[in-house]
Amino acid sequence: MAIAVETTFHGVSLTTYDDLLRRLEFRRGGDSEPGCLFHYTVPTDDGFRGVDVWESAEAFDRFVGGRLAPVLEHLGIDRPEVTMAEVHNYLIAPPDRRDPS
């Protein structure tokens, strides 16, 4: 079952978020982690929030334990505040209607 995951990072800049992406070998507008259906990030008053839809809680847990946690530790970033909810529905644009930029 798909799940929505919000990760709120307090006291972490968007510049550090960009470094985190680079270290995870992601790029803006590029592919996400296997099992992550989509991801976006917004600034907050004291950091940033990532919002994802994952195929399952297990897929999210594999990413956190296998790839994300070691990079967070290396960068000295505390684990984020995480909230999860079951997804009733989500929509995505078909490939031929996505913005190429």
PDB file of N, CA and C in Angstrom:
ATOM      1  N   MET A   1       0.842  -1.178   0.000  1.00  0.00           N
ATOM      2  CA  MET A   1       0.000   0.000   0.000  1.00  0.00           C
ATOM      3  C   MET A   1       0.887   1.241   0.000  1.00  0.00           C
ATOM      4  N   ALA A   2       0.564   2.205  -0.849  1.00  0.00           N
ATOM      5  CA  ALA A   2       1.341   3.442  -0.932  1.00  0.00           C
ATOM      6  C   ALA A   2       1.188   4.246   0.353  1.00  0.00           C
ATOM      7  N   ILE A   3       2.289   4.928   0.716  1.00  0.00           N
ATOM      8  CA  ILE A   3       2.263   5.781   1.901  1.00  0.00           C
ATOM      9  C   ILE A   3       2.836   7.158   1.561  1.00  0.00           C
ATOM     10  N   ALA A   4       2.276   8.162   2.200  1.00  0.00           N
ATOM     11  CA  ALA A   4       2.815   9.517   2.130  1.00  0.00           C
ATOM     12  C   ALA A   4       3.762   9.683   3.308  1.00  0.00           C
ATOM     13  N   VAL A   5       4.919  10.268   3.050  1.00  0.00           N
ATOM     14  CA  VAL A   5       5.912  10.487   4.098  1.00  0.00           C
ATOM     15  C   VAL A   5       6.335  11.947   4.060  1.00  0.00           C
ATOM     16  N   GLU A   6       6.209  12.621   5.199  1.00  0.00           N
ATOM     17  CA  GLU A   6       6.731  13.973   5.342  1.00  0.00           C
ATOM     18  C   GLU A   6       7.913  13.912   6.296  1.00  0.00           C
ATOM     19  N   THR A   7       9.065  14.437   5.844  1.00  0.00           N
ATOM     20  CA  THR A   7      10.255  14.500   6.682  1.00  0.00           C
ATOM     21  C   THR A   7      10.585  15.973   6.873  1.00  0.00           C
ATOM     22  N   THR A   8      10.569  16.417   8.136  1.00  0.00           N
ATOM     23  CA  THR A   8      10.839  17.817   8.439  1.00  0.00           C
ATOM     24  C   THR A   8      12.199  17.912   9.119  1.00  0.00           C
ATOM     25  N   PHE A   9      13.091  18.656   8.491  1.00  0.00           N
ATOM     26  CA  PHE A   9      14.443  18.856   8.994  1.00  0.00           C
ATOM     27  C   PHE A   9      14.533  20.253   9.595  1.00  0.00           C
ATOM     28  N   HIS A  10      14.727  20.335  10.891  1.00  0.00           N
ATOM     29  CA  HIS A  10      14.858  21.612  11.579  1.00  0.00           C
ATOM     30  C   HIS A  10      16.332  22.011  11.625  1.00  0.00           C
ATOM     31  N   GLY A  11      16.602  23.280  11.336  1.00  0.00           N
ATOM     32  CA  GLY A  11      17.963  23.785  11.429  1.00  0.00           C
ATOM     33  C   GLY A  11      18.886  23.312  10.321  1.00  0.00           C
ATOM     34  N   VAL A  12      18.327  22.862   9.198  1.00  0.00           N
ATOM     35  CA  VAL A  12      19.124  22.384   8.070  1.00  0.00           C
ATOM     36  C   VAL A  12      18.782  23.242   6.858  1.00  0.00           C
ATOM     37  N   SER A  13      19.786  23.825   6.229  1.00  0.00           N
ATOM     38  CA  SER A  13      19.563  24.739   5.102  1.00  0.00           C
ATOM     39  C   SER A  13      19.267  23.968   3.813  1.00  0.00           C
ATOM     40  N   LEU A  14      18.700  24.692   2.854  1.00  0.00           N
ATOM     41  CA  LEU A  14      18.484  24.094   1.542  1.00  0.00           C
ATOM     42  C   LEU A  14      19.812  23.826   0.834  1.00  0.00           C
ATOM     43  N   THR A  15      20.845  24.581   1.152  1.00  0.00           N
ATOM     44  CA  THR A  15      22.174  24.305   0.607  1.00  0.00           C
ATOM     45  C   THR A  15      22.657  22.939   1.086  1.00  0.00           C
ATOM     46  N   THR A  16      22.416  22.638   2.349  1.00  0.00           N
ATOM     47  CA  THR A  16      22.788  21.323   2.880  1.00  0.00           C
ATOM     48  C   THR A  16      21.923  20.241   2.241  1.00  0.00           C
ATOM     49  N   TYR A  17      20.638  20.532   2.022  1.00  0.00           N
ATOM     50  CA  TYR A  17      19.767  19.583   1.321  1.00  0.00           C
ATOM     51  C   TYR A  17      20.340  19.274  -0.069  1.00  0.00           C
ATOM     52  N   ASP A  18      20.782  20.315  -0.789  1.00  0.00           N
ATOM     53  CA  ASP A  18      21.362  20.107  -2.112  1.00  0.00           C
ATOM     54  C   ASP A  18      22.611  19.227  -2.028  1.00  0.00           C
ATOM     55  N   ASP A  19      23.421  19.423  -0.992  1.00  0.00           N
ATOM     56  CA  ASP A  19      24.602  18.575  -0.782  1.00  0.00           C
ATOM     57  C   ASP A  19      24.179  17.137  -0.499  1.00  0.00           C
ATOM     58  N   LEU A  20      23.135  16.979   0.298  1.00  0.00           N
ATOM     59  CA  LEU A  20      22.595  15.650   0.597  1.00  0.00           C
ATOM     60  C   LEU A  20      22.181  14.947  -0.698  1.00  0.00           C
ATOM     61  N   LEU A  21      21.462  15.665  -1.570  1.00  0.00           N
ATOM     62  CA  LEU A  21      21.056  15.078  -2.857  1.00  0.00           C
ATOM     63  C   LEU A  21      22.270  14.626  -3.658  1.00  0.00           C
ATOM     64  N   ARG A  22      23.280  15.497  -3.725  1.00  0.00           N
ATOM     65  CA  ARG A  22      24.487  15.175  -4.484  1.00  0.00           C
ATOM     66  C   ARG A  22      25.147  13.911  -3.943  1.00  0.00           C
ATOM     67  N   ARG A  23      25.246  13.813  -2.628  1.00  0.00           N
ATOM     68  CA  ARG A  23      25.889  12.647  -2.011  1.00  0.00           C
ATOM     69  C   ARG A  23      25.082  11.366  -2.223  1.00  0.00           C
ATOM     70  N   LEU A  24      23.763  11.510  -2.373  1.00  0.00           N
ATOM     71  CA  LEU A  24      22.912  10.352  -2.666  1.00  0.00           C
ATOM     72  C   LEU A  24      22.844  10.065  -4.170  1.00  0.00           C
ATOM     73  N   GLU A  25      23.559  10.872  -4.956  1.00  0.00           N
ATOM     74  CA  GLU A  25      23.612  10.746  -6.408  1.00  0.00           C
ATOM     75  C   GLU A  25      22.258  10.984  -7.068  1.00  0.00           C
ATOM     76  N   PHE A  26      21.496  11.940  -6.523  1.00  0.00           N
ATOM     77  CA  PHE A  26      20.255  12.404  -7.119  1.00  0.00           C
ATOM     78  C   PHE A  26      20.526  13.771  -7.742  1.00  0.00           C
ATOM     79  N   ARG A  27      19.689  14.150  -8.689  1.00  0.00           N
ATOM     80  CA  ARG A  27      19.790  15.490  -9.257  1.00  0.00           C
ATOM     81  C   ARG A  27      18.387  16.077  -9.371  1.00  0.00           C
ATOM     82  N   ARG A  28      18.324  17.401  -9.326  1.00  0.00           N
ATOM     83  CA  ARG A  28      17.039  18.092  -9.429  1.00  0.00           C
ATOM     84  C   ARG A  28      16.302  17.638 -10.685  1.00  0.00           C
ATOM     85  N   GLY A  29      15.035  17.260 -10.515  1.00  0.00           N
ATOM     86  CA  GLY A  29      14.220  16.832 -11.643  1.00  0.00           C
ATOM     87  C   GLY A  29      14.563  15.460 -12.177  1.00  0.00           C
ATOM     88  N   GLY A  30      15.503  14.760 -11.516  1.00  0.00           N
ATOM     89  CA  GLY A  30      15.930  13.446 -11.977  1.00  0.00           C
ATOM     90  C   GLY A  30      15.124  12.320 -11.369  1.00  0.00           C
ATOM     91  N   ASP A  31      15.651  11.136 -11.526  1.00  0.00           N
ATOM     92  CA  ASP A  31      15.002   9.940 -10.997  1.00  0.00           C
ATOM     93  C   ASP A  31      15.086   9.915  -9.482  1.00  0.00           C
ATOM     94  N   SER A  32      14.101   9.271  -8.879  1.00  0.00           N
ATOM     95  CA  SER A  32      14.086   9.096  -7.427  1.00  0.00           C
ATOM     96  C   SER A  32      14.596   7.703  -7.070  1.00  0.00           C
ATOM     97  N   GLU A  33      14.634   7.444  -5.787  1.00  0.00           N
ATOM     98  CA  GLU A  33      15.025   6.131  -5.269  1.00  0.00           C
ATOM     99  C   GLU A  33      14.004   5.080  -5.710  1.00  0.00           C
ATOM    100  N   PRO A  34      14.435   3.863  -6.075  1.00  0.00           N
ATOM    101  CA  PRO A  34      13.458   2.812  -6.361  1.00  0.00           C
ATOM    102  C   PRO A  34      12.474   2.676  -5.194  1.00  0.00           C
ATOM    103  N   GLY A  35      11.210   2.625  -5.522  1.00  0.00           N
ATOM    104  CA  GLY A  35      10.170   2.544  -4.496  1.00  0.00           C
ATOM    105  C   GLY A  35       9.562   3.886  -4.143  1.00  0.00           C
ATOM    106  N   CYS A  36      10.247   4.985  -4.491  1.00  0.00           N
ATOM    107  CA  CYS A  36       9.709   6.332  -4.254  1.00  0.00           C
ATOM    108  C   CYS A  36       9.006   6.778  -5.531  1.00  0.00           C
ATOM    109  N   LEU A  37       7.716   7.005  -5.435  1.00  0.00           N
ATOM    110  CA  LEU A  37       6.932   7.367  -6.607  1.00  0.00           C
ATOM    111  C   LEU A  37       7.125   8.827  -6.994  1.00  0.00           C
ATOM    112  N   PHE A  38       7.256   9.708  -6.002  1.00  0.00           N
ATOM    113  CA  PHE A  38       7.666  11.084  -6.270  1.00  0.00           C
ATOM    114  C   PHE A  38       8.108  11.752  -4.982  1.00  0.00           C
ATOM    115  N   HIS A  39       8.845  12.856  -5.161  1.00  0.00           N
ATOM    116  CA  HIS A  39       9.430  13.595  -4.042  1.00  0.00           C
ATOM    117  C   HIS A  39       9.453  15.077  -4.374  1.00  0.00           C
ATOM    118  N   TYR A  40       9.157  15.899  -3.383  1.00  0.00           N
ATOM    119  CA  TYR A  40       9.418  17.329  -3.529  1.00  0.00           C
ATOM    120  C   TYR A  40       9.831  17.891  -2.182  1.00  0.00           C
ATOM    121  N   THR A  41      10.473  19.051  -2.231  1.00  0.00           N
ATOM    122  CA  THR A  41      10.986  19.696  -1.026  1.00  0.00           C
ATOM    123  C   THR A  41      10.555  21.148  -1.011  1.00  0.00           C
ATOM    124  N   VAL A  42      10.172  21.629   0.185  1.00  0.00           N
ATOM    125  CA  VAL A  42       9.818  23.034   0.363  1.00  0.00           C
ATOM    126  C   VAL A  42      10.573  23.591   1.566  1.00  0.00           C
ATOM    127  N   PRO A  43      10.902  24.898   1.514  1.00  0.00           N
ATOM    128  CA  PRO A  43      11.543  25.501   2.682  1.00  0.00           C
ATOM    129  C   PRO A  43      10.533  25.679   3.811  1.00  0.00           C
ATOM    130  N   THR A  44      11.022  25.659   5.030  1.00  0.00           N
ATOM    131  CA  THR A  44      10.210  25.979   6.206  1.00  0.00           C
ATOM    132  C   THR A  44      10.882  27.152   6.924  1.00  0.00           C
ATOM    133  N   ASP A  45      10.270  27.620   8.004  1.00  0.00           N
ATOM    134  CA  ASP A  45      10.842  28.750   8.745  1.00  0.00           C
ATOM    135  C   ASP A  45      12.232  28.444   9.293  1.00  0.00           C
ATOM    136  N   ASP A  46      12.482  27.180   9.603  1.00  0.00           N
ATOM    137  CA  ASP A  46      13.773  26.843  10.219  1.00  0.00           C
ATOM    138  C   ASP A  46      14.479  25.662   9.555  1.00  0.00           C
ATOM    139  N   GLY A  47      14.174  25.399   8.283  1.00  0.00           N
ATOM    140  CA  GLY A  47      14.812  24.277   7.604  1.00  0.00           C
ATOM    141  C   GLY A  47      14.089  23.943   6.315  1.00  0.00           C
ATOM    142  N   PHE A  48      13.742  22.668   6.162  1.00  0.00           N
ATOM    143  CA  PHE A  48      12.992  22.250   4.976  1.00  0.00           C
ATOM    144  C   PHE A  48      12.171  21.014   5.292  1.00  0.00           C
ATOM    145  N   ARG A  49      11.199  20.756   4.413  1.00  0.00           N
ATOM    146  CA  ARG A  49      10.350  19.569   4.533  1.00  0.00           C
ATOM    147  C   ARG A  49      10.363  18.844   3.195  1.00  0.00           C
ATOM    148  N   GLY A  50      10.608  17.536   3.245  1.00  0.00           N
ATOM    149  CA  GLY A  50      10.494  16.686   2.070  1.00  0.00           C
ATOM    150  C   GLY A  50       9.171  15.952   2.135  1.00  0.00           C
ATOM    151  N   VAL A  51       8.500  15.855   1.008  1.00  0.00           N
ATOM    152  CA  VAL A  51       7.224  15.147   0.930  1.00  0.00           C
ATOM    153  C   VAL A  51       7.353  14.102  -0.176  1.00  0.00           C
ATOM    154  N   ASP A  52       7.050  12.871   0.168  1.00  0.00           N
ATOM    155  CA  ASP A  52       7.188  11.751  -0.763  1.00  0.00           C
ATOM    156  C   ASP A  52       5.916  10.914  -0.775  1.00  0.00           C
ATOM    157  N   VAL A  53       5.752  10.170  -1.852  1.00  0.00           N
ATOM    158  CA  VAL A  53       4.840   9.028  -1.872  1.00  0.00           C
ATOM    159  C   VAL A  53       5.699   7.819  -2.213  1.00  0.00           C
ATOM    160  N   TRP A  54       5.645   6.816  -1.343  1.00  0.00           N
ATOM    161  CA  TRP A  54       6.419   5.579  -1.497  1.00  0.00           C
ATOM    162  C   TRP A  54       5.461   4.432  -1.788  1.00  0.00           C
ATOM    163  N   GLU A  55       5.969   3.433  -2.508  1.00  0.00           N
ATOM    164  CA  GLU A  55       5.160   2.241  -2.802  1.00  0.00           C
ATOM    165  C   GLU A  55       4.710   1.543  -1.529  1.00  0.00           C
ATOM    166  N   SER A  56       5.558   1.603  -0.487  1.00  0.00           N
ATOM    167  CA  SER A  56       5.231   0.937   0.776  1.00  0.00           C
ATOM    168  C   SER A  56       6.115   1.511   1.885  1.00  0.00           C
ATOM    169  N   ALA A  57       5.719   1.269   3.122  1.00  0.00           N
ATOM    170  CA  ALA A  57       6.546   1.666   4.265  1.00  0.00           C
ATOM    171  C   ALA A  57       7.866   0.912   4.244  1.00  0.00           C
ATOM    172  N   GLU A  58       7.849  -0.325   3.785  1.00  0.00           N
ATOM    173  CA  GLU A  58       9.074  -1.124   3.724  1.00  0.00           C
ATOM    174  C   GLU A  58      10.086  -0.515   2.754  1.00  0.00           C
ATOM    175  N   ALA A  59       9.605  -0.012   1.609  1.00  0.00           N
ATOM    176  CA  ALA A  59      10.504   0.625   0.642  1.00  0.00           C
ATOM    177  C   ALA A  59      11.148   1.864   1.254  1.00  0.00           C
ATOM    178  N   PHE A  60      10.365   2.659   1.973  1.00  0.00           N
ATOM    179  CA  PHE A  60      10.903   3.845   2.650  1.00  0.00           C
ATOM    180  C   PHE A  60      11.937   3.432   3.699  1.00  0.00           C
ATOM    181  N   ASP A  61      11.607   2.433   4.500  1.00  0.00           N
ATOM    182  CA  ASP A  61      12.532   1.967   5.542  1.00  0.00           C
ATOM    183  C   ASP A  61      13.846   1.455   4.951  1.00  0.00           C
ATOM    184  N   ARG A  62      13.779   0.752   3.820  1.00  0.00           N
ATOM    185  CA  ARG A  62      15.004   0.273   3.158  1.00  0.00           C
ATOM    186  C   ARG A  62      15.891   1.443   2.736  1.00  0.00           C
ATOM    187  N   PHE A  63      15.284   2.485   2.192  1.00  0.00           N
ATOM    188  CA  PHE A  63      16.033   3.659   1.775  1.00  0.00           C
ATOM    189  C   PHE A  63      16.684   4.349   2.978  1.00  0.00           C
ATOM    190  N   VAL A  64      15.914   4.533   4.026  1.00  0.00           N
ATOM    191  CA  VAL A  64      16.451   5.212   5.212  1.00  0.00           C
ATOM    192  C   VAL A  64      17.603   4.401   5.798  1.00  0.00           C
ATOM    193  N   GLY A  65      17.398   3.132   6.037  1.00  0.00           N
ATOM    194  CA  GLY A  65      18.426   2.307   6.660  1.00  0.00           C
ATOM    195  C   GLY A  65      19.614   2.031   5.775  1.00  0.00           C
ATOM    196  N   GLY A  66      19.375   1.890   4.484  1.00  0.00           N
ATOM    197  CA  GLY A  66      20.451   1.516   3.588  1.00  0.00           C
ATOM    198  C   GLY A  66      21.243   2.669   3.013  1.00  0.00           C
ATOM    199  N   ARG A  67      20.579   3.789   2.693  1.00  0.00           N
ATOM    200  CA  ARG A  67      21.287   4.878   2.003  1.00  0.00           C
ATOM    201  C   ARG A  67      21.216   6.216   2.745  1.00  0.00           C
ATOM    202  N   LEU A  68      20.057   6.575   3.249  1.00  0.00           N
ATOM    203  CA  LEU A  68      19.903   7.916   3.815  1.00  0.00           C
ATOM    204  C   LEU A  68      20.605   8.088   5.151  1.00  0.00           C
ATOM    205  N   ALA A  69      20.394   7.186   6.076  1.00  0.00           N
ATOM    206  CA  ALA A  69      20.949   7.343   7.434  1.00  0.00           C
ATOM    207  C   ALA A  69      22.463   7.537   7.436  1.00  0.00           C
ATOM    208  N   PRO A  70      23.239   6.749   6.684  1.00  0.00           N
ATOM    209  CA  PRO A  70      24.690   6.967   6.698  1.00  0.00           C
ATOM    210  C   PRO A  70      25.101   8.350   6.188  1.00  0.00           C
ATOM    211  N   VAL A  71      24.389   8.875   5.183  1.00  0.00           N
ATOM    212  CA  VAL A  71      24.729  10.202   4.650  1.00  0.00           C
ATOM    213  C   VAL A  71      24.341  11.282   5.655  1.00  0.00           C
ATOM    214  N   LEU A  72      23.188  11.136   6.289  1.00  0.00           N
ATOM    215  CA  LEU A  72      22.801  12.098   7.326  1.00  0.00           C
ATOM    216  C   LEU A  72      23.845  12.130   8.437  1.00  0.00           C
ATOM    217  N   GLU A  73      24.286  10.954   8.847  1.00  0.00           N
ATOM    218  CA  GLU A  73      25.295  10.878   9.906  1.00  0.00           C
ATOM    219  C   GLU A  73      26.602  11.543   9.456  1.00  0.00           C
ATOM    220  N   HIS A  74      27.023  11.258   8.234  1.00  0.00           N
ATOM    221  CA  HIS A  74      28.259  11.849   7.705  1.00  0.00           C
ATOM    222  C   HIS A  74      28.178  13.375   7.686  1.00  0.00           C
ATOM    223  N   LEU A  75      27.008  13.919   7.354  1.00  0.00           N
ATOM    224  CA  LEU A  75      26.824  15.369   7.291  1.00  0.00           C
ATOM    225  C   LEU A  75      26.508  15.985   8.652  1.00  0.00           C
ATOM    226  N   GLY A  76      26.338  15.148   9.676  1.00  0.00           N
ATOM    227  CA  GLY A  76      26.022  15.656  11.009  1.00  0.00           C
ATOM    228  C   GLY A  76      24.603  16.173  11.140  1.00  0.00           C
ATOM    229  N   ILE A  77      23.696  15.612  10.357  1.00  0.00           N
ATOM    230  CA  ILE A  77      22.293  16.023  10.371  1.00  0.00           C
ATOM    231  C   ILE A  77      21.498  15.088  11.270  1.00  0.00           C
ATOM    232  N   ASP A  78      20.754  15.663  12.202  1.00  0.00           N
ATOM    233  CA  ASP A  78      19.879  14.863  13.061  1.00  0.00           C
ATOM    234  C   ASP A  78      18.765  14.241  12.231  1.00  0.00           C
ATOM    235  N   ARG A  79      18.301  13.087  12.674  1.00  0.00           N
ATOM    236  CA  ARG A  79      17.169  12.445  11.995  1.00  0.00           C
ATOM    237  C   ARG A  79      15.986  13.417  11.973  1.00  0.00           C
ATOM    238  N   PRO A  80      15.246  13.441  10.881  1.00  0.00           N
ATOM    239  CA  PRO A  80      14.126  14.379  10.773  1.00  0.00           C
ATOM    240  C   PRO A  80      12.906  13.920  11.561  1.00  0.00           C
ATOM    241  N   GLU A  81      11.999  14.848  11.721  1.00  0.00           N
ATOM    242  CA  GLU A  81      10.664  14.528  12.229  1.00  0.00           C
ATOM    243  C   GLU A  81       9.924  13.867  11.063  1.00  0.00           C
ATOM    244  N   VAL A  82       9.340  12.691  11.284  1.00  0.00           N
ATOM    245  CA  VAL A  82       8.706  11.932  10.201  1.00  0.00           C
ATOM    246  C   VAL A  82       7.244  11.673  10.536  1.00  0.00           C
ATOM    247  N   THR A  83       6.374  11.940   9.555  1.00  0.00           N
ATOM    248  CA  THR A  83       4.969  11.553   9.676  1.00  0.00           C
ATOM    249  C   THR A  83       4.618  10.730   8.440  1.00  0.00           C
ATOM    250  N   MET A  84       3.783   9.707   8.645  1.00  0.00           N
ATOM    251  CA  MET A  84       3.356   8.816   7.563  1.00  0.00           C
ATOM    252  C   MET A  84       1.843   8.669   7.585  1.00  0.00           C
ATOM    253  N   ALA A  85       1.294   8.490   6.394  1.00  0.00           N
ATOM    254  CA  ALA A  85      -0.139   8.235   6.274  1.00  0.00           C
ATOM    255  C   ALA A  85      -0.370   7.356   5.055  1.00  0.00           C
ATOM    256  N   GLU A  86      -1.363   6.495   5.131  1.00  0.00           N
ATOM    257  CA  GLU A  86      -1.730   5.691   3.975  1.00  0.00           C
ATOM    258  C   GLU A  86      -2.301   6.609   2.900  1.00  0.00           C
ATOM    259  N   VAL A  87      -1.944   6.335   1.645  1.00  0.00           N
ATOM    260  CA  VAL A  87      -2.409   7.147   0.524  1.00  0.00           C
ATOM    261  C   VAL A  87      -3.670   6.532  -0.051  1.00  0.00           C
ATOM    262  N   HIS A  88      -4.700   7.335  -0.163  1.00  0.00           N
ATOM    263  CA  HIS A  88      -5.940   6.886  -0.782  1.00  0.00           C
ATOM    264  C   HIS A  88      -5.811   6.917  -2.299  1.00  0.00           C
ATOM    265  N   ASN A  89      -5.152   7.964  -2.843  1.00  0.00           N
ATOM    266  CA  ASN A  89      -4.990   8.101  -4.280  1.00  0.00           C
ATOM    267  C   ASN A  89      -3.867   9.082  -4.565  1.00  0.00           C
ATOM    268  N   TYR A  90      -3.226   8.922  -5.708  1.00  0.00           N
ATOM    269  CA  TYR A  90      -2.288   9.924  -6.209  1.00  0.00           C
ATOM    270  C   TYR A  90      -2.365   9.925  -7.726  1.00  0.00           C
ATOM    271  N   LEU A  91      -2.008  11.047  -8.328  1.00  0.00           N
ATOM    272  CA  LEU A  91      -2.037  11.196  -9.774  1.00  0.00           C
ATOM    273  C   LEU A  91      -0.677  11.687 -10.244  1.00  0.00           C
ATOM    274  N   ILE A  92      -0.271  11.263 -11.427  1.00  0.00           N
ATOM    275  CA  ILE A  92       0.958  11.768 -12.037  1.00  0.00           C
ATOM    276  C   ILE A  92       0.668  12.065 -13.506  1.00  0.00           C
ATOM    277  N   ALA A  93       1.422  13.000 -14.063  1.00  0.00           N
ATOM    278  CA  ALA A  93       1.273  13.310 -15.486  1.00  0.00           C
ATOM    279  C   ALA A  93       1.871  12.176 -16.306  1.00  0.00           C
ATOM    280  N   PRO A  94       1.242  11.825 -17.417  1.00  0.00           N
ATOM    281  CA  PRO A  94       1.841  10.818 -18.297  1.00  0.00           C
ATOM    282  C   PRO A  94       3.140  11.385 -18.884  1.00  0.00           C
ATOM    283  N   PRO A  95       4.083  10.515 -19.249  1.00  0.00           N
ATOM    284  CA  PRO A  95       5.377  10.984 -19.748  1.00  0.00           C
ATOM    285  C   PRO A  95       5.296  11.996 -20.888  1.00  0.00           C
ATOM    286  N   ASP A  96       4.334  11.839 -21.785  1.00  0.00           N
ATOM    287  CA  ASP A  96       4.239  12.753 -22.931  1.00  0.00           C
ATOM    288  C   ASP A  96       3.681  14.124 -22.563  1.00  0.00           C
ATOM    289  N   ARG A  97       3.223  14.308 -21.317  1.00  0.00           N
ATOM    290  CA  ARG A  97       2.670  15.599 -20.889  1.00  0.00           C
ATOM    291  C   ARG A  97       3.485  16.222 -19.769  1.00  0.00           C
ATOM    292  N   ARG A  98       4.643  15.658 -19.440  1.00  0.00           N
ATOM    293  CA  ARG A  98       5.484  16.224 -18.393  1.00  0.00           C
ATOM    294  C   ARG A  98       6.307  17.373 -18.933  1.00  0.00           C
ATOM    295  N   ASP A  99       6.552  18.344 -18.086  1.00  0.00           N
ATOM    296  CA  ASP A  99       7.372  19.496 -18.450  1.00  0.00           C
ATOM    297  C   ASP A  99       8.820  19.029 -18.612  1.00  0.00           C
ATOM    298  N   PRO A 100       9.426  19.237 -19.770  1.00  0.00           N
ATOM    299  CA  PRO A 100      10.785  18.740 -19.997  1.00  0.00           C
ATOM    300  C   PRO A 100      11.875  19.540 -19.289  1.00  0.00           C
ATOM    301  N   SER A 101      11.558  20.692 -18.682  1.00  0.00           N
ATOM    302  CA  SER A 101      12.602  21.528 -18.068  1.00  0.00           C
ATOM    303  C   SER A 101      13.057  21.074 -16.740  1.00  0.00           C
TER     304      SER A 101
END
